[in-house]
């Protein structure tokens, strides 16, 4: 007769941590909190399901205005690089014709990783004046600015190879140089500048610490772009699951997130505490989002596919728990704070009210997507969430924010360190 052996606590914690670092965990915990909201039992927000269909109609109207043919690209950083009708990546790529496609894809990944990690909200007062172009703010401004930094070689340690990001340059990135590149000044302040600089320095160290993911194919420093080679080895029959990309991102970059919860020896990144997240294992009380990591995963799909690897299972990823999608839920009245004074307070990203807001956002994005598909007679394969995020919810969130608030900002005041929102 076999005797069962109780697993040590650290092994259980490690298993729970592994699960929390998945898109499935993000979706499961978000739906758990939505289920509690459906019973009107969340402490900070109320949910009004009768407003779901009108919200879906508002998003669908935004999609039709932006993409009348319903030919919608994936939600990714590449859309921001083309703001104002200028193909900034295309301009860089034109000078890379002498390189093989896999190296072009690595360069593109270097750009995507650094740009996405600089993408947390900059605040309403910051903007970027492009050389020979216009003035851009918020996500588009951050994208244009980071593309210009990349083109100038700010993230490369080699003057002979400026179009790359490598461990040596990133590890030693000077905050003052980043501030100058972002055009930050007393009259053009940016939220979380030091947090962004520190994140890129941590990225440089993480590249060296994870050689299985980021070691050079030949000579040279570790680079984000070498994750392509790792993922190519994971592909089966030329196909790669989107969740494999997210897993590699979370494994390789987990150590970069500062001051976060550690479970089973693993940094859980964009994971926060909420008492309603009940479970019978070590994941109890924890709600993951992995917003920047999933945003990065969405943004890596195109470079990976350009390298000849088909990415499948994209709908396994979740909606992004950020203030455009979250603002949409509040501004359309799907959810309302129980305390009207919540909008007047400064909230940290770890505040239970913010965790609720973000979790309800992720869950409701799935429901809005289902309602839109039903109205259009589309399937998940025809119209995955990544296209609904790009064509509708993100743009609709921005649209209604401009209608509701003069600065077009979010409905709540979030204290940002430049690493979450």
Protein backbone atom coordinates (compact mmCIF):
# COMPACT_ATOMS: atom_id res chain seq x y z
CA UNK A 1 0.00 0.00 0.00
CA UNK A 2 1.41 3.37 -1.09
CA UNK A 3 1.53 6.17 1.43
CA UNK A 4 0.78 9.67 0.17
CA UNK A 5 3.49 12.19 0.90
CA UNK A 6 2.49 15.77 1.61
CA UNK A 7 4.34 18.17 -0.69
CA UNK A 8 6.54 20.69 1.09
CA UNK A 9 5.07 24.16 1.39
CA UNK A 10 7.70 25.69 -0.90
CA UNK A 11 6.83 23.20 -3.66
CA UNK A 12 3.16 24.12 -3.38
CA UNK A 13 4.09 27.79 -3.46
CA UNK A 14 6.22 27.26 -6.57
CA UNK A 15 3.32 25.52 -8.34
CA UNK A 16 0.96 28.33 -7.40
CA UNK A 17 3.47 30.93 -8.60
CA UNK A 18 3.86 29.13 -11.92
CA UNK A 19 0.09 29.18 -12.43
CA UNK A 20 -0.23 32.84 -11.43
CA UNK A 21 2.23 33.67 -14.21
CA UNK A 22 -0.18 32.56 -16.94
CA UNK A 23 -2.94 34.21 -18.95
CA UNK A 24 -5.30 31.52 -17.67
CA UNK A 25 -4.75 32.73 -14.11
CA UNK A 26 -5.44 36.32 -15.16
CA UNK A 27 -8.74 35.29 -16.74
CA UNK A 28 -9.81 32.92 -13.94
CA UNK A 29 -9.21 35.44 -11.16
CA UNK A 30 -10.84 38.26 -13.12
CA UNK A 31 -13.96 36.15 -13.72
CA UNK A 32 -13.94 35.16 -10.04
CA UNK A 33 -14.20 38.81 -9.00
CA UNK A 34 -16.83 39.48 -11.66
CA UNK A 35 -18.88 36.60 -10.24
CA UNK A 36 -18.74 38.26 -6.83
CA UNK A 37 -19.77 41.56 -8.44
CA UNK A 38 -22.75 39.82 -10.02
CA UNK A 39 -23.88 39.04 -6.45
CA UNK A 40 -23.28 42.70 -5.56
CA UNK A 41 -20.73 41.60 -2.98
CA UNK A 42 -17.50 43.38 -3.96
CA UNK A 43 -16.45 46.02 -1.43
CA UNK A 44 -15.53 48.81 -3.86
CA UNK A 45 -17.51 48.46 -7.12
CA UNK A 46 -21.02 47.62 -8.26
CA UNK A 47 -21.69 45.95 -11.62
CA UNK A 48 -24.70 46.73 -13.85
CA UNK A 49 -25.11 43.85 -16.34
CA UNK A 50 -28.04 45.53 -18.11
CA UNK A 51 -25.54 48.07 -19.44
CA UNK A 52 -23.34 45.45 -21.12
CA UNK A 53 -25.11 45.44 -24.48
CA UNK A 54 -25.18 49.26 -24.80
CA UNK A 55 -21.46 49.23 -23.96
CA UNK A 56 -20.81 46.63 -26.66
CA UNK A 57 -22.82 48.76 -29.12
CA UNK A 58 -20.68 51.80 -28.26
CA UNK A 59 -17.50 49.81 -28.89
CA UNK A 60 -18.88 48.36 -32.13
CA UNK A 61 -19.72 51.87 -33.36
CA UNK A 62 -16.10 52.83 -32.65
CA UNK A 63 -14.86 49.79 -34.58
CA UNK A 64 -17.03 50.63 -37.58
CA UNK A 65 -15.79 54.23 -37.53
CA UNK A 66 -12.14 53.17 -37.38
CA UNK A 67 -12.33 50.05 -39.57
CA UNK A 68 -15.45 50.14 -41.78
CA UNK A 69 -14.40 46.93 -43.55
CA UNK A 70 -13.84 45.20 -40.18
CA UNK A 71 -10.32 44.32 -41.34
CA UNK A 72 -8.72 45.05 -37.98
CA UNK A 73 -5.05 44.48 -37.12
CA UNK A 74 -3.93 43.03 -33.82
CA UNK A 75 -3.62 45.32 -30.82
CA UNK A 76 0.10 45.99 -30.52
CA UNK A 77 2.82 48.60 -30.20
CA UNK A 78 3.24 48.66 -33.99
CA UNK A 79 0.03 50.65 -34.43
CA UNK A 80 1.50 53.47 -32.32
CA UNK A 81 4.70 53.55 -34.37
CA UNK A 82 2.55 54.53 -37.36
CA UNK A 83 0.68 57.41 -35.70
CA UNK A 84 -0.01 60.31 -38.02
CA UNK A 85 0.37 58.09 -41.07
CA UNK A 86 4.19 57.86 -40.78
CA UNK A 87 5.65 54.35 -40.97
CA UNK A 88 8.54 54.84 -38.56
CA UNK A 89 9.48 51.16 -38.35
CA UNK A 90 9.32 50.93 -42.15
CA UNK A 91 11.78 53.81 -42.40
CA UNK A 92 14.21 51.96 -40.12
CA UNK A 93 13.69 48.66 -41.93
CA UNK A 94 14.57 50.24 -45.27
CA UNK A 95 18.19 50.43 -44.12
CA UNK A 96 18.30 46.77 -43.11
CA UNK A 97 17.92 45.14 -46.52
CA UNK A 98 21.40 43.62 -46.28
CA UNK A 99 20.46 41.61 -43.19
CA UNK A 100 18.75 38.19 -43.12
CA UNK A 101 15.08 38.10 -42.05
CA UNK A 102 15.82 36.53 -38.67
CA UNK A 103 18.18 39.38 -37.72
CA UNK A 104 15.66 41.97 -38.89
CA UNK A 105 13.11 40.23 -36.64
CA UNK A 106 15.55 40.35 -33.70
CA UNK A 107 16.04 44.08 -34.23
CA UNK A 108 12.29 44.53 -34.38
CA UNK A 109 11.92 42.62 -31.11
CA UNK A 110 14.64 44.75 -29.50
CA UNK A 111 12.60 47.80 -30.43
CA UNK A 112 9.31 46.32 -29.23
CA UNK A 113 10.65 45.23 -25.85
CA UNK A 114 12.28 48.56 -24.96
CA UNK A 115 9.33 50.58 -26.24
CA UNK A 116 6.69 48.54 -24.41
CA UNK A 117 8.62 48.69 -21.14
CA UNK A 118 8.65 52.48 -21.48
CA UNK A 119 4.91 52.56 -22.16
CA UNK A 120 3.37 52.97 -18.69
CA UNK A 121 1.29 56.15 -18.45
CA UNK A 122 3.31 59.35 -18.75
CA UNK A 123 0.69 61.64 -17.24
CA UNK A 124 -1.50 64.32 -18.84
CA UNK A 125 1.13 67.10 -18.85
CA UNK A 126 3.81 65.30 -20.90
CA UNK A 127 4.18 65.36 -24.70
CA UNK A 128 6.89 64.72 -27.27
CA UNK A 129 7.75 66.96 -30.22
CA UNK A 130 8.95 64.84 -33.11
CA UNK A 131 11.74 66.11 -35.35
CA UNK A 132 10.08 67.18 -38.57
CA UNK A 133 6.72 66.08 -37.25
CA UNK A 134 3.99 66.90 -34.83
CA UNK A 135 3.49 66.78 -31.09
CA UNK A 136 2.41 63.46 -29.60
CA UNK A 137 1.23 62.61 -26.09
CA UNK A 138 0.35 59.55 -24.04
CA UNK A 139 0.98 56.11 -25.61
CA UNK A 140 1.61 57.48 -29.09
CA UNK A 141 4.10 60.01 -27.74
CA UNK A 142 5.91 57.31 -25.78
CA UNK A 143 6.03 55.11 -28.88
CA UNK A 144 7.37 57.83 -31.16
CA UNK A 145 9.91 58.94 -28.57
CA UNK A 146 11.16 55.42 -27.87
CA UNK A 147 11.44 54.70 -31.60
CA UNK A 148 13.58 57.83 -32.00
CA UNK A 149 15.78 56.72 -29.05
CA UNK A 150 16.21 53.31 -30.64
CA UNK A 151 17.10 54.84 -34.00
CA UNK A 152 19.69 57.06 -32.28
CA UNK A 153 21.36 54.03 -30.69
CA UNK A 154 20.51 54.91 -27.08
CA UNK A 155 20.01 51.24 -26.18
CA UNK A 156 23.05 49.87 -28.05
CA UNK A 157 26.62 49.60 -26.80
CA UNK A 158 28.02 49.60 -30.34
CA UNK A 159 28.23 52.64 -32.59
CA UNK A 160 28.59 50.19 -35.50
CA UNK A 161 25.26 48.54 -34.67
CA UNK A 162 23.01 51.29 -33.29
CA UNK A 163 19.74 49.55 -34.18
CA UNK A 164 19.64 47.11 -31.31
CA UNK A 165 19.12 46.92 -27.55
CA UNK A 166 21.75 45.05 -25.58
CA UNK A 167 22.53 44.18 -21.98
CA UNK A 168 25.60 46.42 -21.71
CA UNK A 169 23.85 49.61 -22.82
CA UNK A 170 20.64 48.92 -20.93
CA UNK A 171 22.38 48.04 -17.65
CA UNK A 172 24.18 51.39 -17.65
CA UNK A 173 21.33 53.56 -18.91
CA UNK A 174 21.55 57.03 -17.40
CA UNK A 175 18.26 58.53 -16.16
CA UNK A 176 19.33 62.01 -17.30
CA UNK A 177 19.90 60.74 -20.85
CA UNK A 178 16.49 59.09 -20.85
CA UNK A 179 14.91 62.30 -19.56
CA UNK A 180 16.58 64.31 -22.33
CA UNK A 181 15.43 61.82 -24.95
CA UNK A 182 11.87 62.10 -23.63
CA UNK A 183 12.21 65.92 -23.63
CA UNK A 184 11.30 66.01 -19.93
CA UNK A 185 11.53 69.41 -18.26
CA UNK A 186 9.84 71.45 -15.56
CA UNK A 187 7.23 72.49 -18.11
CA UNK A 188 6.99 69.01 -19.64
CA UNK A 189 6.91 66.63 -16.64
CA UNK A 190 6.60 62.86 -16.95
CA UNK A 191 5.19 60.46 -14.38
CA UNK A 192 7.50 57.64 -13.30
CA UNK A 193 10.64 58.66 -15.19
CA UNK A 194 13.06 57.09 -12.70
CA UNK A 195 10.93 53.95 -12.60
CA UNK A 196 11.22 53.61 -16.38
CA UNK A 197 14.97 54.08 -16.34
CA UNK A 198 15.36 51.57 -13.54
CA UNK A 199 13.15 49.09 -15.42
CA UNK A 200 15.45 49.22 -18.45
CA UNK A 201 18.52 48.84 -16.25
CA UNK A 202 16.88 45.80 -14.68
CA UNK A 203 16.13 44.53 -18.17
CA UNK A 204 19.83 44.67 -19.01
CA UNK A 205 20.66 42.56 -15.97
CA UNK A 206 17.82 40.11 -16.69
CA UNK A 207 19.15 39.50 -20.20
CA UNK A 208 22.46 38.33 -18.78
CA UNK A 209 20.77 36.26 -16.09
CA UNK A 210 18.68 34.24 -18.58
CA UNK A 211 21.11 32.98 -21.26
CA UNK A 212 18.70 30.25 -22.39
CA UNK A 213 16.42 33.04 -23.63
CA UNK A 214 18.68 35.95 -24.50
CA UNK A 215 22.22 34.68 -25.14
CA UNK A 216 23.72 35.69 -28.50
CA UNK A 217 23.55 33.23 -31.36
CA UNK A 218 27.15 34.07 -32.15
CA UNK A 219 29.45 36.66 -30.58
CA UNK A 220 28.10 39.76 -28.92
CA UNK A 221 26.05 40.88 -25.91
CA UNK A 222 22.71 39.46 -24.75
CA UNK A 223 19.70 41.07 -26.43
CA UNK A 224 15.91 40.85 -26.12
CA UNK A 225 15.78 39.89 -29.80
CA UNK A 226 17.41 36.53 -29.15
CA UNK A 227 14.17 35.36 -27.57
CA UNK A 228 13.20 34.69 -31.20
CA UNK A 229 15.68 31.81 -31.36
CA UNK A 230 14.37 30.32 -28.11
CA UNK A 231 10.78 30.53 -29.37
CA UNK A 232 11.69 29.07 -32.75
CA UNK A 233 12.86 25.97 -30.89
CA UNK A 234 9.47 25.80 -29.14
CA UNK A 235 7.51 25.94 -32.39
CA UNK A 236 5.92 22.72 -33.63
CA UNK A 237 5.44 22.36 -37.35
CA UNK A 238 6.20 26.04 -37.81
CA UNK A 239 3.46 27.04 -35.33
CA UNK A 240 3.85 28.64 -31.90
CA UNK A 241 1.23 29.12 -29.19
CA UNK A 242 0.81 32.74 -28.05
CA UNK A 243 0.90 31.51 -24.47
CA UNK A 244 4.42 30.17 -25.12
CA UNK A 245 5.49 33.73 -25.95
CA UNK A 246 3.92 35.07 -22.76
CA UNK A 247 5.54 32.28 -20.75
CA UNK A 248 8.97 33.15 -22.15
CA UNK A 249 8.41 36.86 -21.44
CA UNK A 250 7.35 36.20 -17.86
CA UNK A 251 10.18 33.72 -17.28
CA UNK A 252 12.87 35.90 -18.79
CA UNK A 253 11.76 39.30 -17.55
CA UNK A 254 10.15 38.41 -14.22
CA UNK A 255 13.09 39.74 -12.23
CA UNK A 256 12.79 43.27 -13.63
CA UNK A 257 9.66 44.23 -11.71
CA UNK A 258 10.57 46.19 -8.55
CA UNK A 259 9.05 45.71 -5.11
CA UNK A 260 6.56 43.03 -6.08
CA UNK A 261 5.14 39.95 -4.37
CA UNK A 262 7.47 36.95 -4.36
CA UNK A 263 5.97 33.46 -4.05
CA UNK A 264 7.92 30.22 -4.15
CA UNK A 265 11.04 32.21 -4.98
CA UNK A 266 9.39 33.80 -8.04
CA UNK A 267 8.69 37.49 -8.64
CA UNK A 268 5.00 37.61 -9.56
CA UNK A 269 5.29 40.94 -11.37
CA UNK A 270 1.93 42.59 -12.03
CA UNK A 271 0.11 40.57 -9.35
CA UNK A 272 -1.70 42.16 -6.40
CA UNK A 273 -3.60 41.25 -3.27
CA UNK A 274 -7.37 41.20 -2.88
CA UNK A 275 -9.22 39.39 -0.07
CA UNK A 276 -12.01 38.19 -2.38
CA UNK A 277 -9.60 36.07 -4.44
CA UNK A 278 -10.18 32.97 -2.37
CA UNK A 279 -8.47 29.69 -3.19
CA UNK A 280 -7.38 26.54 -1.42
CA UNK A 281 -3.73 26.84 -2.37
CA UNK A 282 -0.86 29.31 -2.08
CA UNK A 283 -2.41 31.54 -4.77
CA UNK A 284 -5.14 32.61 -2.35
CA UNK A 285 -5.64 36.35 -2.12
CA UNK A 286 -3.67 37.11 -5.29
CA UNK A 287 -4.92 38.58 -8.57
CA UNK A 288 -2.53 38.67 -11.57
CA UNK A 289 -2.79 40.99 -14.59
CA UNK A 290 0.61 41.00 -16.38
CA UNK A 291 -0.48 44.03 -18.37
CA UNK A 292 2.88 45.10 -19.80
CA UNK A 293 3.95 41.49 -20.34
CA UNK A 294 0.78 40.71 -22.31
CA UNK A 295 1.04 44.01 -24.20
CA UNK A 296 4.58 42.95 -25.10
CA UNK A 297 3.39 39.49 -26.12
CA UNK A 298 0.81 40.99 -28.47
CA UNK A 299 3.57 43.22 -29.86
CA UNK A 300 5.94 40.29 -30.50
CA UNK A 301 3.48 38.39 -32.67
CA UNK A 302 4.19 40.36 -35.86
CA UNK A 303 8.01 40.14 -35.66
CA UNK A 304 7.79 36.43 -34.93
CA UNK A 305 5.44 35.84 -37.84
CA UNK A 306 7.68 37.91 -40.12
CA UNK A 307 10.44 35.43 -39.22
CA UNK A 308 8.29 32.63 -40.65
CA UNK A 309 6.66 31.27 -37.48
CA UNK A 310 2.85 31.23 -37.34
CA UNK A 311 1.47 32.32 -33.96
CA UNK A 312 -1.69 30.48 -32.91
CA UNK A 313 -4.01 30.59 -29.90
CA UNK A 314 -3.88 34.37 -29.62
CA UNK A 315 -7.30 34.42 -27.95
CA UNK A 316 -5.75 32.58 -25.02
CA UNK A 317 -4.30 35.92 -23.97
CA UNK A 318 -6.54 38.33 -22.07
CA UNK A 319 -7.61 41.91 -22.33
CA UNK A 320 -5.26 44.47 -20.86
CA UNK A 321 -5.96 45.89 -17.40
CA UNK A 322 -5.00 49.47 -18.19
CA UNK A 323 -6.73 52.79 -17.85
CA UNK A 324 -8.21 53.09 -21.35
CA UNK A 325 -10.06 49.79 -21.14
CA UNK A 326 -10.74 50.35 -17.44
CA UNK A 327 -11.93 53.88 -18.01
CA UNK A 328 -14.34 52.60 -20.64
CA UNK A 329 -16.05 50.37 -18.05
CA UNK A 330 -16.50 53.24 -15.61
CA UNK A 331 -17.41 55.92 -18.13
CA UNK A 332 -20.07 53.69 -19.76
CA UNK A 333 -21.49 52.86 -16.34
CA UNK A 334 -20.90 49.11 -16.42
CA UNK A 335 -19.23 49.48 -13.06
CA UNK A 336 -19.54 52.23 -10.48
CA UNK A 337 -17.54 52.87 -7.32
CA UNK A 338 -19.58 52.45 -4.18
CA UNK A 339 -17.86 55.52 -2.78
CA UNK A 340 -18.28 58.49 -5.16
CA UNK A 341 -15.25 60.12 -3.51
CA UNK A 342 -12.98 57.40 -4.93
CA UNK A 343 -12.31 59.54 -8.01
CA UNK A 344 -10.94 62.34 -5.82
CA UNK A 345 -8.39 60.16 -4.02
CA UNK A 346 -4.88 59.28 -5.08
CA UNK A 347 -4.76 55.50 -5.41
CA UNK A 348 -1.78 53.17 -5.51
CA UNK A 349 -1.75 50.29 -7.98
CA UNK A 350 -1.92 47.89 -5.04
CA UNK A 351 -5.06 49.47 -3.58
CA UNK A 352 -7.86 46.89 -3.37
CA UNK A 353 -10.18 49.26 -5.27
CA UNK A 354 -7.70 49.43 -8.17
CA UNK A 355 -7.32 45.64 -8.17
CA UNK A 356 -11.12 45.30 -8.39
CA UNK A 357 -11.32 47.87 -11.17
CA UNK A 358 -8.64 46.11 -13.20
CA UNK A 359 -10.06 42.62 -12.64
CA UNK A 360 -13.56 43.68 -13.66
CA UNK A 361 -12.07 45.32 -16.73
CA UNK A 362 -10.37 42.10 -17.87
CA UNK A 363 -13.51 40.03 -17.30
CA UNK A 364 -15.85 42.51 -18.97
CA UNK A 365 -13.62 42.81 -22.02
CA UNK A 366 -14.33 39.13 -22.69
CA UNK A 367 -18.08 39.71 -22.33
CA UNK A 368 -18.04 42.79 -24.58
CA UNK A 369 -16.10 40.81 -27.18
CA UNK A 370 -18.67 38.00 -27.06
CA UNK A 371 -21.53 40.49 -27.49
CA UNK A 372 -19.82 42.11 -30.49
CA UNK A 373 -19.16 38.74 -32.13
CA UNK A 374 -22.79 37.72 -31.59
CA UNK A 375 -24.03 40.91 -33.23
CA UNK A 376 -21.67 40.49 -36.22
CA UNK A 377 -22.11 36.74 -36.53
CA UNK A 378 -18.38 36.20 -36.06
CA UNK A 379 -16.42 33.52 -34.20
CA UNK A 380 -13.40 33.87 -31.93
CA UNK A 381 -11.25 32.70 -34.84
CA UNK A 382 -12.76 35.33 -37.17
CA UNK A 383 -12.61 38.15 -34.64
CA UNK A 384 -10.22 37.43 -31.77
CA UNK A 385 -10.01 39.62 -28.71
CA UNK A 386 -6.73 41.15 -29.95
CA UNK A 387 -8.61 42.75 -32.86
CA UNK A 388 -11.49 43.95 -30.69
CA UNK A 389 -8.99 45.58 -28.32
CA UNK A 390 -7.36 47.42 -31.21
CA UNK A 391 -10.44 48.33 -33.20
CA UNK A 392 -12.72 49.12 -30.35
CA UNK A 393 -12.20 49.01 -26.63
CA UNK A 394 -8.94 50.95 -26.38
CA UNK A 395 -10.09 53.56 -28.88
CA UNK A 396 -13.56 53.70 -27.33
CA UNK A 397 -12.00 54.24 -23.91
CA UNK A 398 -10.03 57.17 -25.24
CA UNK A 399 -13.07 58.53 -27.08
CA UNK A 400 -15.36 58.57 -24.06
CA UNK A 401 -12.61 59.87 -21.75
CA UNK A 402 -12.34 62.95 -23.97
CA UNK A 403 -16.10 63.37 -23.77
CA UNK A 404 -16.15 63.08 -19.97
CA UNK A 405 -12.95 64.89 -18.86
CA UNK A 406 -11.17 67.92 -20.35
CA UNK A 407 -7.73 66.27 -20.21
CA UNK A 408 -8.99 62.93 -21.55
CA UNK A 409 -7.38 61.18 -18.60
CA UNK A 410 -8.57 58.17 -16.61
CA UNK A 411 -11.50 58.35 -14.19
CA UNK A 412 -9.23 57.69 -11.20
CA UNK A 413 -5.95 59.20 -10.05
CA UNK A 414 -3.37 56.43 -9.96
CA UNK A 415 0.07 56.96 -8.45
CA UNK A 416 2.36 55.60 -11.16
CA UNK A 417 5.94 54.41 -10.82
CA UNK A 418 6.18 53.89 -14.58
CA UNK A 419 6.02 50.08 -14.42
CA UNK A 420 2.31 49.15 -14.43
CA UNK A 421 -0.16 51.45 -16.20
